[in-house]
PDB file of all heavy atoms in Angstrom:
ATOM      1  N   LEU A   1       6.150  13.122  -7.519  1.00  0.00           N
ATOM      2  CA  LEU A   1       6.725  13.672  -6.298  1.00  0.00           C
ATOM      3  C   LEU A   1       8.098  13.085  -6.180  1.00  0.00           C
ATOM      4  O   LEU A   1       9.135  13.908  -5.766  1.00  0.00           O
ATOM      5  CB  LEU A   1       6.029  13.203  -5.054  1.00  0.00           C
ATOM      6  CG  LEU A   1       6.503  13.760  -3.779  1.00  0.00           C
ATOM      7  CD1 LEU A   1       6.323  15.255  -3.662  1.00  0.00           C
ATOM      8  CD2 LEU A   1       5.550  13.120  -2.641  1.00  0.00           C
ATOM      9  N   PHE A   2       8.441  11.916  -6.581  1.00  0.00           N
ATOM     10  CA  PHE A   2       9.789  11.334  -6.348  1.00  0.00           C
ATOM     11  C   PHE A   2      10.550  11.447  -7.733  1.00  0.00           C
ATOM     12  O   PHE A   2      10.417  10.705  -8.736  1.00  0.00           O
ATOM     13  CB  PHE A   2       9.659   9.801  -5.952  1.00  0.00           C
ATOM     14  CG  PHE A   2       9.161   9.617  -4.568  1.00  0.00           C
ATOM     15  CD1 PHE A   2       7.836   9.650  -4.367  1.00  0.00           C
ATOM     16  CD2 PHE A   2      10.056   9.582  -3.537  1.00  0.00           C
ATOM     17  CE1 PHE A   2       7.300   9.437  -3.069  1.00  0.00           C
ATOM     18  CE2 PHE A   2       9.587   9.511  -2.279  1.00  0.00           C
ATOM     19  CZ  PHE A   2       8.267   9.460  -2.010  1.00  0.00           C
ATOM     20  N   ARG A   3      11.494  12.454  -7.717  1.00  0.00           N
ATOM     21  CA  ARG A   3      12.223  12.859  -8.844  1.00  0.00           C
ATOM     22  C   ARG A   3      13.536  12.250  -9.036  1.00  0.00           C
ATOM     23  O   ARG A   3      14.129  11.955  -7.842  1.00  0.00           O
ATOM     24  CB  ARG A   3      12.258  14.380  -9.088  1.00  0.00           C
ATOM     25  CG  ARG A   3      10.902  14.910  -9.193  1.00  0.00           C
ATOM     26  CD  ARG A   3      10.935  16.429  -9.419  1.00  0.00           C
ATOM     27  NE  ARG A   3       9.576  17.002  -9.700  1.00  0.00           N
ATOM     28  CZ  ARG A   3       9.307  18.196  -9.914  1.00  0.00           C
ATOM     29  NH1 ARG A   3      10.304  19.103  -9.963  1.00  0.00           N
ATOM     30  NH2 ARG A   3       8.119  18.640 -10.157  1.00  0.00           N
ATOM     31  N   PRO A   4      14.202  12.107 -10.121  1.00  0.00           N
ATOM     32  CA  PRO A   4      15.530  11.458 -10.338  1.00  0.00           C
ATOM     33  C   PRO A   4      16.555  12.097  -9.474  1.00  0.00           C
ATOM     34  O   PRO A   4      17.577  11.470  -9.102  1.00  0.00           O
ATOM     35  CB  PRO A   4      15.799  11.515 -11.841  1.00  0.00           C
ATOM     36  CG  PRO A   4      14.446  11.453 -12.431  1.00  0.00           C
ATOM     37  CD  PRO A   4      13.528  12.303 -11.487  1.00  0.00           C
ATOM     38  N   GLY A   5      16.388  13.356  -9.154  1.00  0.00           N
ATOM     39  CA  GLY A   5      17.482  14.028  -8.404  1.00  0.00           C
ATOM     40  C   GLY A   5      17.659  13.420  -7.044  1.00  0.00           C
ATOM     41  O   GLY A   5      18.767  13.529  -6.489  1.00  0.00           O
ATOM     42  N   LEU A   6      16.699  12.625  -6.447  1.00  0.00           N
ATOM     43  CA  LEU A   6      16.841  11.900  -5.283  1.00  0.00           C
ATOM     44  C   LEU A   6      17.942  10.897  -5.324  1.00  0.00           C
ATOM     45  O   LEU A   6      18.650  10.654  -4.360  1.00  0.00           O
ATOM     46  CB  LEU A   6      15.530  11.224  -4.810  1.00  0.00           C
ATOM     47  CG  LEU A   6      14.444  12.094  -4.304  1.00  0.00           C
ATOM     48  CD1 LEU A   6      13.249  11.270  -4.055  1.00  0.00           C
ATOM     49  CD2 LEU A   6      14.806  12.716  -3.021  1.00  0.00           C
ATOM     50  N   LEU A   7      18.217  10.352  -6.559  1.00  0.00           N
ATOM     51  CA  LEU A   7      19.228   9.339  -6.680  1.00  0.00           C
ATOM     52  C   LEU A   7      20.686   9.820  -6.522  1.00  0.00           C
ATOM     53  O   LEU A   7      21.591   9.178  -6.188  1.00  0.00           O
ATOM     54  CB  LEU A   7      19.102   8.630  -8.042  1.00  0.00           C
ATOM     55  CG  LEU A   7      17.804   8.017  -8.282  1.00  0.00           C
ATOM     56  CD1 LEU A   7      17.690   7.536  -9.729  1.00  0.00           C
ATOM     57  CD2 LEU A   7      17.391   6.858  -7.283  1.00  0.00           C
ATOM     58  N   ALA A   8      20.723  11.218  -6.538  1.00  0.00           N
ATOM     59  CA  ALA A   8      22.010  11.789  -6.395  1.00  0.00           C
ATOM     60  C   ALA A   8      22.338  12.207  -4.935  1.00  0.00           C
ATOM     61  O   ALA A   8      23.327  12.721  -4.572  1.00  0.00           O
ATOM     62  CB  ALA A   8      22.173  13.074  -7.260  1.00  0.00           C
ATOM     63  N   GLU A   9      21.396  12.024  -4.095  1.00  0.00           N
ATOM     64  CA  GLU A   9      21.456  12.269  -2.656  1.00  0.00           C
ATOM     65  C   GLU A   9      22.165  11.192  -1.946  1.00  0.00           C
ATOM     66  O   GLU A   9      21.676  10.084  -1.831  1.00  0.00           O
ATOM     67  CB  GLU A   9      20.121  12.513  -2.065  1.00  0.00           C
ATOM     68  CG  GLU A   9      19.405  13.783  -2.576  1.00  0.00           C
ATOM     69  CD  GLU A   9      20.089  15.082  -2.053  1.00  0.00           C
ATOM     70  OE1 GLU A   9      20.685  15.073  -0.987  1.00  0.00           O
ATOM     71  OE2 GLU A   9      19.785  16.095  -2.703  1.00  0.00           O
ATOM     72  N   PRO A  10      23.406  11.472  -1.441  1.00  0.00           N
ATOM     73  CA  PRO A  10      24.175  10.375  -1.008  1.00  0.00           C
ATOM     74  C   PRO A  10      23.647   9.658   0.316  1.00  0.00           C
ATOM     75  O   PRO A  10      24.073   8.496   0.673  1.00  0.00           O
ATOM     76  CB  PRO A  10      25.618  11.036  -0.599  1.00  0.00           C
ATOM     77  CG  PRO A  10      25.237  12.499  -0.440  1.00  0.00           C
ATOM     78  CD  PRO A  10      24.131  12.739  -1.317  1.00  0.00           C
ATOM     79  N   GLU A  11      22.795  10.370   1.088  1.00  0.00           N
ATOM     80  CA  GLU A  11      22.246   9.930   2.325  1.00  0.00           C
ATOM     81  C   GLU A  11      20.840   9.350   2.089  1.00  0.00           C
ATOM     82  O   GLU A  11      20.211   8.961   3.070  1.00  0.00           O
ATOM     83  CB  GLU A  11      22.373  10.812   3.432  1.00  0.00           C
ATOM     84  CG  GLU A  11      23.683  11.485   3.619  1.00  0.00           C
ATOM     85  CD  GLU A  11      24.810  10.516   3.900  1.00  0.00           C
ATOM     86  OE1 GLU A  11      24.518   9.335   4.378  1.00  0.00           O
ATOM     87  OE2 GLU A  11      26.001  10.863   3.642  1.00  0.00           O
ATOM     88  N   THR A  12      20.288   9.270   0.939  1.00  0.00           N
ATOM     89  CA  THR A  12      18.917   8.837   0.714  1.00  0.00           C
ATOM     90  C   THR A  12      18.990   7.503   0.020  1.00  0.00           C
ATOM     91  O   THR A  12      19.679   7.315  -1.062  1.00  0.00           O
ATOM     92  CB  THR A  12      18.188   9.826  -0.187  1.00  0.00           C
ATOM     93  OG1 THR A  12      18.105  11.174   0.552  1.00  0.00           O
ATOM     94  CG2 THR A  12      16.788   9.360  -0.491  1.00  0.00           C
ATOM     95  N   PHE A  13      18.227   6.541   0.539  1.00  0.00           N
ATOM     96  CA  PHE A  13      18.208   5.168   0.057  1.00  0.00           C
ATOM     97  C   PHE A  13      16.738   4.810  -0.209  1.00  0.00           C
ATOM     98  O   PHE A  13      16.010   4.539   0.797  1.00  0.00           O
ATOM     99  CB  PHE A  13      18.880   4.205   0.931  1.00  0.00           C
ATOM    100  CG  PHE A  13      20.316   4.568   1.208  1.00  0.00           C
ATOM    101  CD1 PHE A  13      20.697   5.550   2.079  1.00  0.00           C
ATOM    102  CD2 PHE A  13      21.440   3.896   0.516  1.00  0.00           C
ATOM    103  CE1 PHE A  13      22.065   5.881   2.302  1.00  0.00           C
ATOM    104  CE2 PHE A  13      22.706   4.208   0.803  1.00  0.00           C
ATOM    105  CZ  PHE A  13      23.086   5.218   1.649  1.00  0.00           C
ATOM    106  N   VAL A  14      16.387   4.572  -1.461  1.00  0.00           N
ATOM    107  CA  VAL A  14      15.018   4.161  -1.743  1.00  0.00           C
ATOM    108  C   VAL A  14      15.028   2.653  -1.855  1.00  0.00           C
ATOM    109  O   VAL A  14      15.676   2.029  -2.747  1.00  0.00           O
ATOM    110  CB  VAL A  14      14.517   4.819  -3.033  1.00  0.00           C
ATOM    111  CG1 VAL A  14      13.074   4.394  -3.407  1.00  0.00           C
ATOM    112  CG2 VAL A  14      14.637   6.407  -2.984  1.00  0.00           C
ATOM    113  N   ILE A  15      14.328   2.074  -0.987  1.00  0.00           N
ATOM    114  CA  ILE A  15      14.307   0.568  -0.947  1.00  0.00           C
ATOM    115  C   ILE A  15      13.097  -0.055  -1.546  1.00  0.00           C
ATOM    116  O   ILE A  15      11.990   0.467  -1.395  1.00  0.00           O
ATOM    117  CB  ILE A  15      14.409   0.127   0.589  1.00  0.00           C
ATOM    118  CG1 ILE A  15      15.586   0.710   1.264  1.00  0.00           C
ATOM    119  CG2 ILE A  15      14.217  -1.353   0.668  1.00  0.00           C
ATOM    120  CD1 ILE A  15      15.477   0.555   2.809  1.00  0.00           C
ATOM    121  N   LEU A  16      13.283  -1.002  -2.461  1.00  0.00           N
ATOM    122  CA  LEU A  16      12.051  -1.683  -3.041  1.00  0.00           C
ATOM    123  C   LEU A  16      12.117  -3.133  -2.680  1.00  0.00           C
ATOM    124  O   LEU A  16      13.133  -3.729  -2.378  1.00  0.00           O
ATOM    125  CB  LEU A  16      12.235  -1.453  -4.618  1.00  0.00           C
ATOM    126  CG  LEU A  16      13.338  -2.067  -5.354  1.00  0.00           C
ATOM    127  CD1 LEU A  16      13.204  -3.501  -5.720  1.00  0.00           C
ATOM    128  CD2 LEU A  16      13.576  -1.369  -6.694  1.00  0.00           C
ATOM    129  N   GLY A  17      10.869  -3.692  -2.859  1.00  0.00           N
ATOM    130  CA  GLY A  17      10.698  -5.016  -2.607  1.00  0.00           C
ATOM    131  C   GLY A  17       9.972  -5.680  -3.778  1.00  0.00           C
ATOM    132  O   GLY A  17       8.964  -5.090  -4.302  1.00  0.00           O
ATOM    133  N   ARG A  18      10.398  -6.799  -4.180  1.00  0.00           N
ATOM    134  CA  ARG A  18       9.739  -7.626  -5.291  1.00  0.00           C
ATOM    135  C   ARG A  18       9.561  -9.055  -4.778  1.00  0.00           C
ATOM    136  O   ARG A  18      10.235  -9.427  -3.878  1.00  0.00           O
ATOM    137  CB  ARG A  18      10.655  -7.624  -6.546  1.00  0.00           C
ATOM    138  CG  ARG A  18      10.715  -6.300  -7.305  1.00  0.00           C
ATOM    139  CD  ARG A  18      11.489  -6.502  -8.636  1.00  0.00           C
ATOM    140  NE  ARG A  18      11.378  -5.277  -9.417  1.00  0.00           N
ATOM    141  CZ  ARG A  18      12.487  -4.546  -9.742  1.00  0.00           C
ATOM    142  NH1 ARG A  18      13.637  -4.925  -9.127  1.00  0.00           N
ATOM    143  NH2 ARG A  18      12.344  -3.468 -10.453  1.00  0.00           N
ATOM    144  N   SER A  19       8.679  -9.702  -5.425  1.00  0.00           N
ATOM    145  CA  SER A  19       8.365 -11.137  -5.041  1.00  0.00           C
ATOM    146  C   SER A  19       9.701 -11.971  -5.079  1.00  0.00           C
ATOM    147  O   SER A  19      10.487 -11.773  -6.039  1.00  0.00           O
ATOM    148  CB  SER A  19       7.230 -11.786  -5.841  1.00  0.00           C
ATOM    149  OG  SER A  19       6.093 -11.065  -5.739  1.00  0.00           O
ATOM    150  N   ALA A  20       9.939 -12.868  -4.216  1.00  0.00           N
ATOM    151  CA  ALA A  20      11.084 -13.642  -4.153  1.00  0.00           C
ATOM    152  C   ALA A  20      11.348 -14.324  -5.486  1.00  0.00           C
ATOM    153  O   ALA A  20      10.349 -14.980  -5.952  1.00  0.00           O
ATOM    154  CB  ALA A  20      11.036 -14.576  -2.976  1.00  0.00           C
ATOM    155  N   GLY A  21      12.576 -14.274  -5.967  1.00  0.00           N
ATOM    156  CA  GLY A  21      12.849 -14.915  -7.279  1.00  0.00           C
ATOM    157  C   GLY A  21      12.424 -14.113  -8.452  1.00  0.00           C
ATOM    158  O   GLY A  21      12.669 -14.566  -9.648  1.00  0.00           O
ATOM    159  N   ASP A  22      11.820 -12.999  -8.353  1.00  0.00           N
ATOM    160  CA  ASP A  22      11.248 -12.199  -9.388  1.00  0.00           C
ATOM    161  C   ASP A  22      11.913 -10.797  -9.311  1.00  0.00           C
ATOM    162  O   ASP A  22      11.331  -9.742  -9.179  1.00  0.00           O
ATOM    163  CB  ASP A  22       9.826 -12.045  -9.317  1.00  0.00           C
ATOM    164  CG  ASP A  22       9.233 -11.319 -10.556  1.00  0.00           C
ATOM    165  OD1 ASP A  22       9.845 -11.240 -11.537  1.00  0.00           O
ATOM    166  OD2 ASP A  22       7.963 -10.989 -10.422  1.00  0.00           O
ATOM    167  N   THR A  23      13.267 -10.860  -9.532  1.00  0.00           N
ATOM    168  CA  THR A  23      14.096  -9.482  -9.334  1.00  0.00           C
ATOM    169  C   THR A  23      13.704  -8.528 -10.407  1.00  0.00           C
ATOM    170  O   THR A  23      14.186  -7.408 -10.276  1.00  0.00           O
ATOM    171  CB  THR A  23      15.533  -9.968  -9.390  1.00  0.00           C
ATOM    172  OG1 THR A  23      15.877 -10.547 -10.567  1.00  0.00           O
ATOM    173  CG2 THR A  23      15.944 -10.752  -8.234  1.00  0.00           C
ATOM    174  N   GLU A  24      13.130  -8.807 -11.529  1.00  0.00           N
ATOM    175  CA  GLU A  24      12.705  -7.912 -12.516  1.00  0.00           C
ATOM    176  C   GLU A  24      11.258  -7.700 -12.557  1.00  0.00           C
ATOM    177  O   GLU A  24      10.790  -6.966 -13.506  1.00  0.00           O
ATOM    178  CB  GLU A  24      13.202  -8.467 -13.898  1.00  0.00           C
ATOM    179  CG  GLU A  24      14.657  -8.599 -14.045  1.00  0.00           C
ATOM    180  CD  GLU A  24      15.480  -7.401 -13.789  1.00  0.00           C
ATOM    181  OE1 GLU A  24      15.059  -6.332 -14.130  1.00  0.00           O
ATOM    182  OE2 GLU A  24      16.580  -7.442 -13.254  1.00  0.00           O
ATOM    183  N   GLY A  25      10.521  -8.184 -11.632  1.00  0.00           N
ATOM    184  CA  GLY A  25       9.134  -8.014 -11.539  1.00  0.00           C
ATOM    185  C   GLY A  25       8.535  -6.743 -11.029  1.00  0.00           C
ATOM    186  O   GLY A  25       9.382  -5.789 -10.794  1.00  0.00           O
ATOM    187  N   SER A  26       7.368  -6.658 -10.703  1.00  0.00           N
ATOM    188  CA  SER A  26       6.733  -5.427 -10.194  1.00  0.00           C
ATOM    189  C   SER A  26       7.150  -5.068  -8.797  1.00  0.00           C
ATOM    190  O   SER A  26       7.456  -6.054  -8.032  1.00  0.00           O
ATOM    191  CB  SER A  26       5.192  -5.537 -10.205  1.00  0.00           C
ATOM    192  OG  SER A  26       4.708  -5.709 -11.553  1.00  0.00           O
ATOM    193  N   VAL A  27       7.236  -3.789  -8.484  1.00  0.00           N
ATOM    194  CA  VAL A  27       7.507  -3.374  -7.123  1.00  0.00           C
ATOM    195  C   VAL A  27       6.368  -3.526  -6.259  1.00  0.00           C
ATOM    196  O   VAL A  27       5.224  -3.131  -6.613  1.00  0.00           O
ATOM    197  CB  VAL A  27       7.999  -1.966  -7.117  1.00  0.00           C
ATOM    198  CG1 VAL A  27       8.238  -1.446  -5.647  1.00  0.00           C
ATOM    199  CG2 VAL A  27       9.266  -1.699  -7.993  1.00  0.00           C
ATOM    200  N   VAL A  28       6.367  -4.358  -5.240  1.00  0.00           N
ATOM    201  CA  VAL A  28       5.153  -4.601  -4.362  1.00  0.00           C
ATOM    202  C   VAL A  28       5.265  -3.987  -3.017  1.00  0.00           C
ATOM    203  O   VAL A  28       4.292  -4.030  -2.203  1.00  0.00           O
ATOM    204  CB  VAL A  28       4.904  -6.096  -4.309  1.00  0.00           C
ATOM    205  CG1 VAL A  28       4.594  -6.600  -5.815  1.00  0.00           C
ATOM    206  CG2 VAL A  28       6.088  -6.873  -3.696  1.00  0.00           C
ATOM    207  N   ALA A  29       6.466  -3.417  -2.629  1.00  0.00           N
ATOM    208  CA  ALA A  29       6.581  -2.928  -1.285  1.00  0.00           C
ATOM    209  C   ALA A  29       7.869  -1.974  -1.374  1.00  0.00           C
ATOM    210  O   ALA A  29       8.691  -2.085  -2.315  1.00  0.00           O
ATOM    211  CB  ALA A  29       6.802  -3.884  -0.211  1.00  0.00           C
ATOM    212  N   GLY A  30       7.947  -1.137  -0.407  1.00  0.00           N
ATOM    213  CA  GLY A  30       9.047  -0.191  -0.376  1.00  0.00           C
ATOM    214  C   GLY A  30       9.093   0.786   0.801  1.00  0.00           C
ATOM    215  O   GLY A  30       8.246   0.802   1.634  1.00  0.00           O
ATOM    216  N   ALA A  31      10.124   1.572   0.857  1.00  0.00           N
ATOM    217  CA  ALA A  31      10.355   2.535   1.868  1.00  0.00           C
ATOM    218  C   ALA A  31      11.486   3.395   1.523  1.00  0.00           C
ATOM    219  O   ALA A  31      12.202   3.140   0.488  1.00  0.00           O
ATOM    220  CB  ALA A  31      10.609   1.889   3.167  1.00  0.00           C
TER     221      ALA A  31
END
């Protein structure tokens, strides 16, 4: 459902959360 074209939308911001200190780890939360 979430396609790369969303990244070109200037008013859309996909927020991700990872465990503290694990900036390359799995996505565990978002909005």
